[in-house]
Amino acid sequence: RAPALSQSFYASIVTNFAADEVTGDLVPYEVGIFPVDHAASRALGAEPLRDETSVNVSGGFALSPSEAVTITADLFYIKVNDRILLTNELAGDDVEAILASAGIDARAARYFTNALDTETKGVDVTAKWTGLVADGQLLDINGYVNFTRNRIVRIRVPEEILATDATFFDP
């Protein structure tokens, strides 16, 4: 999947408020979401976005041990490389210094990045029973179970962020 235009070019600056550590007064500060080619993003380690790539494998079976009972199971595996996500709000004294050295008047920044490789495994199971009840009416009973496991295989944190106390992604 190619990066969306909004992931490549979206920009926004908002004013947030935080309590001053000494006085407790609310103090405004600027936070930006910057395109990956913006000076703020580049200063914080952003690289041009790459296409996401994936491998998807699935299979299943259906079993009807009688006319009244049907059971199905579908298994799936999905691996996504270079998943595009928006970073956490990158903030702190170190980040402010990096942004100031790039000529950016903001205390925090965010940008889209190809930071994760993920893996999803799972199974869907269904069961259906159809039976004749009083007065010739049919009763259908259906059951569904799903188990899915999502796992982060790899996180790519830029060196510029590793050198700060900023959190690249929240858990």
N, C-alpha and C. Protein backbone atom coordinates (compact mmCIF):
# COMPACT_ATOMS: atom_id res chain seq x y z
N ARG A 1 0.85 -1.16 0.00
CA ARG A 1 0.00 0.00 0.00
C ARG A 1 0.89 1.22 0.00
N ALA A 2 0.65 2.07 -0.95
CA ALA A 2 1.42 3.31 -1.03
C ALA A 2 0.96 4.28 0.06
N PRO A 3 1.84 5.16 0.51
CA PRO A 3 1.43 6.15 1.50
C PRO A 3 0.30 7.02 0.95
N ALA A 4 -0.68 7.30 1.79
CA ALA A 4 -1.77 8.20 1.40
C ALA A 4 -1.24 9.62 1.30
N LEU A 5 -1.91 10.43 0.50
CA LEU A 5 -1.48 11.83 0.39
C LEU A 5 -1.47 12.51 1.75
N SER A 6 -2.46 12.21 2.58
CA SER A 6 -2.51 12.84 3.91
C SER A 6 -1.34 12.39 4.78
N GLN A 7 -0.88 11.17 4.62
CA GLN A 7 0.27 10.71 5.40
C GLN A 7 1.56 11.38 4.92
N SER A 8 1.61 11.72 3.67
CA SER A 8 2.82 12.33 3.12
C SER A 8 2.86 13.85 3.30
N PHE A 9 1.69 14.50 3.26
CA PHE A 9 1.70 15.96 3.18
C PHE A 9 0.91 16.69 4.26
N TYR A 10 0.23 15.98 5.16
CA TYR A 10 -0.60 16.64 6.17
C TYR A 10 0.26 17.44 7.14
N ALA A 11 -0.22 18.62 7.50
CA ALA A 11 0.46 19.46 8.48
C ALA A 11 -0.59 20.16 9.33
N SER A 12 -0.27 20.30 10.61
CA SER A 12 -1.18 20.96 11.54
C SER A 12 -0.38 21.44 12.73
N ILE A 13 -0.68 22.63 13.20
CA ILE A 13 -0.07 23.11 14.43
C ILE A 13 -1.22 23.51 15.35
N VAL A 14 -1.17 23.00 16.58
CA VAL A 14 -2.20 23.31 17.57
C VAL A 14 -1.53 23.86 18.81
N THR A 15 -2.32 24.55 19.60
CA THR A 15 -1.85 25.08 20.87
C THR A 15 -2.40 24.21 21.99
N ASN A 16 -1.49 23.63 22.77
CA ASN A 16 -1.86 22.87 23.96
C ASN A 16 -1.50 23.69 25.19
N PHE A 17 -1.98 23.25 26.34
CA PHE A 17 -1.68 23.95 27.58
C PHE A 17 -1.13 22.95 28.60
N ALA A 18 -0.11 23.38 29.33
CA ALA A 18 0.47 22.55 30.39
C ALA A 18 0.69 23.42 31.61
N ALA A 19 0.63 22.80 32.77
CA ALA A 19 0.85 23.54 34.01
C ALA A 19 2.33 23.85 34.18
N ASP A 20 2.64 25.09 34.50
CA ASP A 20 4.00 25.50 34.80
C ASP A 20 4.44 24.77 36.07
N GLU A 21 5.64 24.21 36.06
CA GLU A 21 6.12 23.41 37.20
C GLU A 21 6.28 24.24 38.47
N VAL A 22 6.54 25.52 38.34
CA VAL A 22 6.78 26.37 39.51
C VAL A 22 5.48 27.01 40.00
N THR A 23 4.77 27.69 39.08
CA THR A 23 3.59 28.46 39.49
C THR A 23 2.30 27.65 39.41
N GLY A 24 2.28 26.62 38.58
CA GLY A 24 1.05 25.86 38.38
C GLY A 24 0.12 26.49 37.37
N ASP A 25 0.49 27.68 36.87
CA ASP A 25 -0.33 28.36 35.86
C ASP A 25 -0.30 27.58 34.55
N LEU A 26 -1.40 27.64 33.80
CA LEU A 26 -1.43 27.00 32.49
C LEU A 26 -0.65 27.84 31.50
N VAL A 27 0.25 27.19 30.80
CA VAL A 27 1.12 27.87 29.83
C VAL A 27 0.86 27.26 28.46
N PRO A 28 0.58 28.09 27.44
CA PRO A 28 0.35 27.54 26.10
C PRO A 28 1.67 27.14 25.45
N TYR A 29 1.60 26.10 24.61
CA TYR A 29 2.75 25.70 23.82
C TYR A 29 2.26 25.09 22.51
N GLU A 30 3.09 25.19 21.48
CA GLU A 30 2.73 24.71 20.15
C GLU A 30 3.18 23.27 19.95
N VAL A 31 2.32 22.49 19.31
CA VAL A 31 2.62 21.12 18.93
C VAL A 31 2.27 20.99 17.45
N GLY A 32 3.16 20.39 16.69
CA GLY A 32 2.91 20.26 15.26
C GLY A 32 2.90 18.83 14.79
N ILE A 33 2.04 18.57 13.81
CA ILE A 33 2.14 17.36 13.00
C ILE A 33 2.72 17.85 11.69
N PHE A 34 3.90 17.36 11.37
CA PHE A 34 4.63 17.87 10.21
C PHE A 34 4.76 16.81 9.13
N PRO A 35 4.76 17.23 7.85
CA PRO A 35 5.04 16.27 6.77
C PRO A 35 6.46 15.71 6.94
N VAL A 36 6.71 14.54 6.38
CA VAL A 36 8.02 13.91 6.55
C VAL A 36 9.16 14.72 5.94
N ASP A 37 8.87 15.56 4.95
CA ASP A 37 9.94 16.34 4.33
C ASP A 37 10.13 17.72 4.99
N HIS A 38 9.39 18.01 6.05
CA HIS A 38 9.51 19.28 6.77
C HIS A 38 10.79 19.27 7.62
N ALA A 39 11.36 20.42 7.84
CA ALA A 39 12.61 20.52 8.61
C ALA A 39 12.46 19.94 10.01
N ALA A 40 11.30 20.12 10.63
CA ALA A 40 11.10 19.58 11.99
C ALA A 40 11.13 18.06 11.97
N SER A 41 10.45 17.46 11.03
CA SER A 41 10.43 15.99 10.93
C SER A 41 11.82 15.45 10.63
N ARG A 42 12.48 16.07 9.68
CA ARG A 42 13.83 15.61 9.32
C ARG A 42 14.79 15.74 10.49
N ALA A 43 14.67 16.83 11.27
CA ALA A 43 15.53 17.01 12.43
C ALA A 43 15.30 15.90 13.47
N LEU A 44 14.08 15.35 13.50
CA LEU A 44 13.74 14.29 14.45
C LEU A 44 13.86 12.90 13.82
N GLY A 45 14.54 12.80 12.68
CA GLY A 45 14.86 11.50 12.10
C GLY A 45 13.90 10.97 11.05
N ALA A 46 12.96 11.76 10.59
CA ALA A 46 12.02 11.29 9.57
C ALA A 46 12.74 11.01 8.26
N GLU A 47 12.26 9.97 7.59
CA GLU A 47 12.76 9.62 6.26
C GLU A 47 11.56 9.57 5.32
N PRO A 48 11.79 9.68 4.01
CA PRO A 48 10.67 9.59 3.07
C PRO A 48 9.88 8.29 3.28
N LEU A 49 8.56 8.39 3.19
CA LEU A 49 7.72 7.22 3.40
C LEU A 49 7.88 6.22 2.26
N ARG A 50 7.91 4.94 2.64
CA ARG A 50 7.97 3.84 1.67
C ARG A 50 6.61 3.16 1.63
N ASP A 51 6.38 2.41 0.58
CA ASP A 51 5.15 1.61 0.49
C ASP A 51 5.15 0.55 1.59
N GLU A 52 3.97 0.30 2.15
CA GLU A 52 3.80 -0.85 3.03
C GLU A 52 3.74 -2.09 2.14
N THR A 53 4.35 -3.17 2.60
CA THR A 53 4.26 -4.43 1.88
C THR A 53 3.68 -5.47 2.82
N SER A 54 3.00 -6.46 2.25
CA SER A 54 2.39 -7.46 3.12
C SER A 54 2.38 -8.83 2.48
N VAL A 55 2.29 -9.83 3.34
CA VAL A 55 2.08 -11.21 2.94
C VAL A 55 0.81 -11.65 3.65
N ASN A 56 -0.14 -12.18 2.90
CA ASN A 56 -1.40 -12.64 3.46
C ASN A 56 -1.63 -14.08 3.02
N VAL A 57 -1.84 -14.95 3.99
CA VAL A 57 -2.12 -16.35 3.71
C VAL A 57 -3.36 -16.73 4.51
N SER A 58 -4.30 -17.41 3.85
CA SER A 58 -5.47 -17.86 4.58
C SER A 58 -5.96 -19.17 3.99
N GLY A 59 -6.67 -19.91 4.79
CA GLY A 59 -7.24 -21.17 4.35
C GLY A 59 -8.31 -21.59 5.33
N GLY A 60 -9.13 -22.51 4.90
CA GLY A 60 -10.19 -22.94 5.79
C GLY A 60 -10.83 -24.22 5.32
N PHE A 61 -11.75 -24.68 6.12
CA PHE A 61 -12.50 -25.87 5.75
C PHE A 61 -13.90 -25.78 6.33
N ALA A 62 -14.80 -26.56 5.74
CA ALA A 62 -16.18 -26.67 6.24
C ALA A 62 -16.48 -28.15 6.42
N LEU A 63 -17.17 -28.45 7.49
CA LEU A 63 -17.51 -29.82 7.82
C LEU A 63 -19.00 -29.89 8.13
N SER A 64 -19.69 -30.85 7.52
CA SER A 64 -21.12 -31.07 7.80
C SER A 64 -21.31 -32.53 8.18
N PRO A 65 -21.17 -32.85 9.46
CA PRO A 65 -21.32 -34.23 9.87
C PRO A 65 -22.75 -34.75 9.73
N SER A 66 -23.70 -33.83 9.61
CA SER A 66 -25.10 -34.21 9.37
C SER A 66 -25.78 -33.04 8.67
N GLU A 67 -27.01 -33.25 8.22
CA GLU A 67 -27.73 -32.16 7.57
C GLU A 67 -28.03 -31.03 8.54
N ALA A 68 -28.03 -31.31 9.82
CA ALA A 68 -28.39 -30.30 10.81
C ALA A 68 -27.19 -29.51 11.33
N VAL A 69 -25.98 -30.01 11.14
CA VAL A 69 -24.80 -29.39 11.74
C VAL A 69 -23.78 -29.01 10.67
N THR A 70 -23.29 -27.78 10.79
CA THR A 70 -22.21 -27.30 9.92
C THR A 70 -21.17 -26.62 10.79
N ILE A 71 -19.91 -26.94 10.55
CA ILE A 71 -18.80 -26.33 11.29
C ILE A 71 -17.79 -25.82 10.25
N THR A 72 -17.32 -24.59 10.45
CA THR A 72 -16.29 -24.05 9.56
C THR A 72 -15.14 -23.52 10.40
N ALA A 73 -13.96 -23.53 9.82
CA ALA A 73 -12.79 -22.93 10.45
C ALA A 73 -11.96 -22.25 9.37
N ASP A 74 -11.56 -21.04 9.65
CA ASP A 74 -10.71 -20.27 8.73
C ASP A 74 -9.49 -19.80 9.51
N LEU A 75 -8.32 -20.07 8.96
CA LEU A 75 -7.07 -19.64 9.57
C LEU A 75 -6.46 -18.55 8.70
N PHE A 76 -5.78 -17.59 9.35
CA PHE A 76 -5.17 -16.51 8.58
C PHE A 76 -3.86 -16.07 9.20
N TYR A 77 -2.99 -15.55 8.32
CA TYR A 77 -1.69 -15.01 8.72
C TYR A 77 -1.46 -13.78 7.86
N ILE A 78 -1.14 -12.67 8.49
CA ILE A 78 -0.88 -11.42 7.77
C ILE A 78 0.38 -10.79 8.34
N LYS A 79 1.34 -10.52 7.47
CA LYS A 79 2.55 -9.82 7.90
C LYS A 79 2.63 -8.51 7.11
N VAL A 80 2.77 -7.41 7.83
CA VAL A 80 2.88 -6.10 7.19
C VAL A 80 4.25 -5.52 7.54
N ASN A 81 5.02 -5.18 6.53
CA ASN A 81 6.32 -4.54 6.72
C ASN A 81 6.19 -3.06 6.40
N ASP A 82 6.92 -2.25 7.13
CA ASP A 82 6.95 -0.80 6.92
C ASP A 82 5.58 -0.16 7.12
N ARG A 83 4.86 -0.62 8.15
CA ARG A 83 3.53 -0.07 8.46
C ARG A 83 3.67 1.42 8.76
N ILE A 84 2.80 2.21 8.17
CA ILE A 84 2.85 3.66 8.33
C ILE A 84 1.98 4.06 9.52
N LEU A 85 2.59 4.73 10.47
CA LEU A 85 1.90 5.20 11.68
C LEU A 85 2.31 6.62 12.01
N LEU A 86 1.48 7.28 12.79
CA LEU A 86 1.81 8.60 13.31
C LEU A 86 2.55 8.42 14.62
N THR A 87 3.67 9.09 14.78
CA THR A 87 4.44 8.97 16.02
C THR A 87 3.66 9.52 17.20
N ASN A 88 4.14 9.20 18.37
CA ASN A 88 3.66 9.81 19.58
C ASN A 88 4.01 11.30 19.53
N GLU A 89 3.46 12.08 20.44
CA GLU A 89 3.88 13.47 20.55
C GLU A 89 5.31 13.47 21.09
N LEU A 90 6.26 13.83 20.26
CA LEU A 90 7.67 13.85 20.65
C LEU A 90 7.95 15.16 21.36
N ALA A 91 8.26 15.07 22.65
CA ALA A 91 8.41 16.27 23.45
C ALA A 91 9.52 16.07 24.47
N GLY A 92 9.85 17.14 25.14
CA GLY A 92 10.88 17.13 26.16
C GLY A 92 11.97 18.14 25.83
N ASP A 93 12.82 18.38 26.78
CA ASP A 93 13.88 19.38 26.59
C ASP A 93 14.77 19.05 25.40
N ASP A 94 15.12 17.78 25.23
CA ASP A 94 15.99 17.38 24.12
C ASP A 94 15.31 17.65 22.78
N VAL A 95 14.02 17.31 22.69
CA VAL A 95 13.27 17.52 21.44
C VAL A 95 13.14 19.01 21.16
N GLU A 96 12.85 19.79 22.20
CA GLU A 96 12.76 21.25 22.01
C GLU A 96 14.06 21.80 21.46
N ALA A 97 15.18 21.32 22.00
CA ALA A 97 16.49 21.79 21.52
C ALA A 97 16.70 21.42 20.06
N ILE A 98 16.32 20.19 19.69
CA ILE A 98 16.46 19.76 18.29
C ILE A 98 15.61 20.63 17.38
N LEU A 99 14.36 20.86 17.78
CA LEU A 99 13.46 21.69 16.97
C LEU A 99 13.98 23.12 16.87
N ALA A 100 14.44 23.69 17.98
CA ALA A 100 14.97 25.06 17.96
C ALA A 100 16.18 25.16 17.05
N SER A 101 17.04 24.13 17.06
CA SER A 101 18.23 24.18 16.19
C SER A 101 17.84 24.08 14.72
N ALA A 102 16.65 23.54 14.43
CA ALA A 102 16.16 23.47 13.05
C ALA A 102 15.34 24.71 12.69
N GLY A 103 15.25 25.67 13.65
CA GLY A 103 14.51 26.90 13.39
C GLY A 103 13.00 26.74 13.52
N ILE A 104 12.55 25.73 14.26
CA ILE A 104 11.13 25.47 14.42
C ILE A 104 10.68 25.96 15.79
N ASP A 105 9.66 26.80 15.83
CA ASP A 105 9.15 27.34 17.08
C ASP A 105 8.00 26.46 17.57
N ALA A 106 8.36 25.27 18.10
CA ALA A 106 7.37 24.34 18.65
C ALA A 106 8.03 23.55 19.76
N ARG A 107 7.24 23.14 20.75
CA ARG A 107 7.79 22.35 21.87
C ARG A 107 7.70 20.86 21.61
N ALA A 108 6.85 20.46 20.66
CA ALA A 108 6.67 19.04 20.40
C ALA A 108 6.29 18.85 18.94
N ALA A 109 6.50 17.65 18.44
CA ALA A 109 6.20 17.37 17.04
C ALA A 109 5.78 15.92 16.87
N ARG A 110 5.08 15.68 15.78
CA ARG A 110 4.68 14.33 15.37
C ARG A 110 4.85 14.25 13.85
N TYR A 111 5.04 13.04 13.34
CA TYR A 111 5.09 12.85 11.89
C TYR A 111 4.77 11.40 11.56
N PHE A 112 4.40 11.15 10.32
CA PHE A 112 4.14 9.78 9.87
C PHE A 112 5.46 9.12 9.52
N THR A 113 5.55 7.82 9.82
CA THR A 113 6.79 7.10 9.59
C THR A 113 6.52 5.62 9.34
N ASN A 114 7.43 4.96 8.64
CA ASN A 114 7.36 3.50 8.42
C ASN A 114 8.08 2.81 9.57
N ALA A 115 7.53 2.85 10.74
CA ALA A 115 8.27 2.42 11.92
C ALA A 115 8.04 0.99 12.36
N LEU A 116 6.99 0.34 11.89
CA LEU A 116 6.67 -0.97 12.44
C LEU A 116 6.56 -2.06 11.38
N ASP A 117 6.95 -3.26 11.78
CA ASP A 117 6.60 -4.48 11.07
C ASP A 117 5.69 -5.24 12.03
N THR A 118 4.56 -5.72 11.53
CA THR A 118 3.61 -6.41 12.40
C THR A 118 3.22 -7.76 11.81
N GLU A 119 2.71 -8.61 12.69
CA GLU A 119 2.29 -9.95 12.29
C GLU A 119 0.96 -10.24 12.98
N THR A 120 0.00 -10.75 12.22
CA THR A 120 -1.30 -11.11 12.76
C THR A 120 -1.59 -12.55 12.40
N LYS A 121 -1.95 -13.33 13.42
CA LYS A 121 -2.33 -14.73 13.21
C LYS A 121 -3.69 -14.93 13.85
N GLY A 122 -4.50 -15.80 13.25
CA GLY A 122 -5.77 -16.03 13.90
C GLY A 122 -6.57 -17.14 13.27
N VAL A 123 -7.69 -17.43 13.93
CA VAL A 123 -8.62 -18.44 13.47
C VAL A 123 -10.04 -17.98 13.79
N ASP A 124 -10.95 -18.22 12.86
CA ASP A 124 -12.38 -17.99 13.04
C ASP A 124 -13.06 -19.35 12.96
N VAL A 125 -13.88 -19.67 13.92
CA VAL A 125 -14.62 -20.93 13.92
C VAL A 125 -16.11 -20.61 14.07
N THR A 126 -16.92 -21.25 13.22
CA THR A 126 -18.37 -21.09 13.31
C THR A 126 -19.01 -22.47 13.41
N ALA A 127 -20.14 -22.50 14.07
CA ALA A 127 -20.91 -23.74 14.15
C ALA A 127 -22.39 -23.37 14.03
N LYS A 128 -23.13 -24.23 13.31
CA LYS A 128 -24.55 -23.96 13.11
C LYS A 128 -25.31 -25.27 13.27
N TRP A 129 -26.39 -25.19 14.02
CA TRP A 129 -27.29 -26.33 14.16
C TRP A 129 -28.67 -25.86 13.75
N THR A 130 -29.31 -26.62 12.90
CA THR A 130 -30.68 -26.33 12.48
C THR A 130 -31.53 -27.54 12.85
N GLY A 131 -32.61 -27.26 13.60
CA GLY A 131 -33.46 -28.36 14.03
C GLY A 131 -34.93 -28.01 13.88
N LEU A 132 -35.73 -29.02 13.74
CA LEU A 132 -37.17 -28.87 13.63
C LEU A 132 -37.75 -28.83 15.04
N VAL A 133 -38.52 -27.80 15.31
CA VAL A 133 -39.18 -27.68 16.61
C VAL A 133 -40.68 -27.79 16.43
N ALA A 134 -41.44 -27.53 17.43
CA ALA A 134 -42.90 -27.70 17.41
C ALA A 134 -43.55 -27.03 16.21
N ASP A 135 -44.60 -27.66 15.74
CA ASP A 135 -45.42 -27.14 14.65
C ASP A 135 -44.65 -26.94 13.36
N GLY A 136 -43.61 -27.73 13.13
CA GLY A 136 -42.88 -27.69 11.87
C GLY A 136 -42.00 -26.47 11.68
N GLN A 137 -41.73 -25.72 12.74
CA GLN A 137 -40.88 -24.53 12.64
C GLN A 137 -39.41 -24.94 12.81
N LEU A 138 -38.53 -24.21 12.13
CA LEU A 138 -37.09 -24.46 12.23
C LEU A 138 -36.46 -23.53 13.25
N LEU A 139 -35.49 -24.05 13.95
CA LEU A 139 -34.71 -23.25 14.88
C LEU A 139 -33.25 -23.34 14.44
N ASP A 140 -32.61 -22.18 14.25
CA ASP A 140 -31.19 -22.11 13.92
C ASP A 140 -30.44 -21.60 15.14
N ILE A 141 -29.40 -22.30 15.52
CA ILE A 141 -28.51 -21.85 16.59
C ILE A 141 -27.12 -21.74 15.98
N ASN A 142 -26.55 -20.55 16.12
CA ASN A 142 -25.24 -20.26 15.54
C ASN A 142 -24.26 -19.87 16.64
N GLY A 143 -23.04 -20.28 16.50
CA GLY A 143 -21.98 -19.88 17.42
C GLY A 143 -20.75 -19.45 16.64
N TYR A 144 -20.06 -18.44 17.18
CA TYR A 144 -18.87 -17.91 16.51
C TYR A 144 -17.78 -17.71 17.55
N VAL A 145 -16.55 -18.09 17.19
CA VAL A 145 -15.40 -17.87 18.04
C VAL A 145 -14.28 -17.34 17.16
N ASN A 146 -13.59 -16.34 17.68
CA ASN A 146 -12.44 -15.79 16.97
C ASN A 146 -11.28 -15.68 17.95
N PHE A 147 -10.11 -16.05 17.48
CA PHE A 147 -8.88 -15.81 18.23
C PHE A 147 -7.93 -15.12 17.27
N THR A 148 -7.44 -13.95 17.68
CA THR A 148 -6.49 -13.20 16.86
C THR A 148 -5.34 -12.74 17.74
N ARG A 149 -4.14 -12.90 17.23
CA ARG A 149 -2.95 -12.43 17.94
C ARG A 149 -2.21 -11.45 17.04
N ASN A 150 -2.10 -10.21 17.51
CA ASN A 150 -1.33 -9.18 16.82
C ASN A 150 -0.02 -9.00 17.56
N ARG A 151 1.06 -8.91 16.80
CA ARG A 151 2.37 -8.80 17.41
C ARG A 151 3.22 -7.80 16.63
N ILE A 152 3.92 -6.97 17.35
CA ILE A 152 4.90 -6.07 16.72
C ILE A 152 6.19 -6.86 16.58
N VAL A 153 6.64 -7.02 15.35
CA VAL A 153 7.84 -7.80 15.06
C VAL A 153 9.08 -6.92 15.16
N ARG A 154 8.95 -5.67 14.73
CA ARG A 154 10.12 -4.79 14.69
C ARG A 154 9.66 -3.34 14.81
N ILE A 155 10.41 -2.55 15.58
CA ILE A 155 10.18 -1.11 15.69
C ILE A 155 11.45 -0.41 15.25
N ARG A 156 11.30 0.55 14.36
CA ARG A 156 12.45 1.33 13.89
C ARG A 156 12.37 2.73 14.51
N VAL A 157 13.20 2.99 15.51
CA VAL A 157 13.24 4.29 16.15
C VAL A 157 14.49 5.02 15.65
N PRO A 158 14.32 6.21 15.10
CA PRO A 158 15.49 6.95 14.59
C PRO A 158 16.50 7.27 15.70
N GLU A 159 17.76 7.31 15.33
CA GLU A 159 18.84 7.64 16.27
C GLU A 159 18.57 8.97 16.97
N GLU A 160 18.00 9.92 16.23
CA GLU A 160 17.72 11.24 16.81
C GLU A 160 16.77 11.14 18.00
N ILE A 161 15.83 10.21 17.94
CA ILE A 161 14.86 10.03 19.03
C ILE A 161 15.47 9.18 20.14
N LEU A 162 16.27 8.18 19.79
CA LEU A 162 16.92 7.35 20.82
C LEU A 162 17.80 8.19 21.74
N ALA A 163 18.33 9.29 21.21
CA ALA A 163 19.21 10.14 22.00
C ALA A 163 18.43 11.09 22.92
N THR A 164 17.10 11.03 22.89
CA THR A 164 16.27 11.90 23.73
C THR A 164 15.49 11.05 24.74
N ASP A 165 14.72 11.73 25.58
CA ASP A 165 13.86 11.02 26.51
C ASP A 165 12.43 10.92 25.98
N ALA A 166 12.24 11.22 24.70
CA ALA A 166 10.91 11.18 24.08
C ALA A 166 10.47 9.73 23.84
N THR A 167 9.17 9.52 23.88
CA THR A 167 8.58 8.21 23.59
C THR A 167 8.10 8.21 22.16
N PHE A 168 8.69 7.37 21.32
CA PHE A 168 8.36 7.33 19.88
C PHE A 168 6.93 6.84 19.66
N PHE A 169 6.53 5.76 20.37
CA PHE A 169 5.16 5.24 20.30
C PHE A 169 4.73 4.88 21.71
N ASP A 170 3.47 5.14 22.02
CA ASP A 170 2.90 4.67 23.28
C ASP A 170 2.59 3.19 23.16
N PRO A 171 2.66 2.49 24.27
CA PRO A 171 2.32 1.05 24.23
C PRO A 171 0.92 0.83 23.71
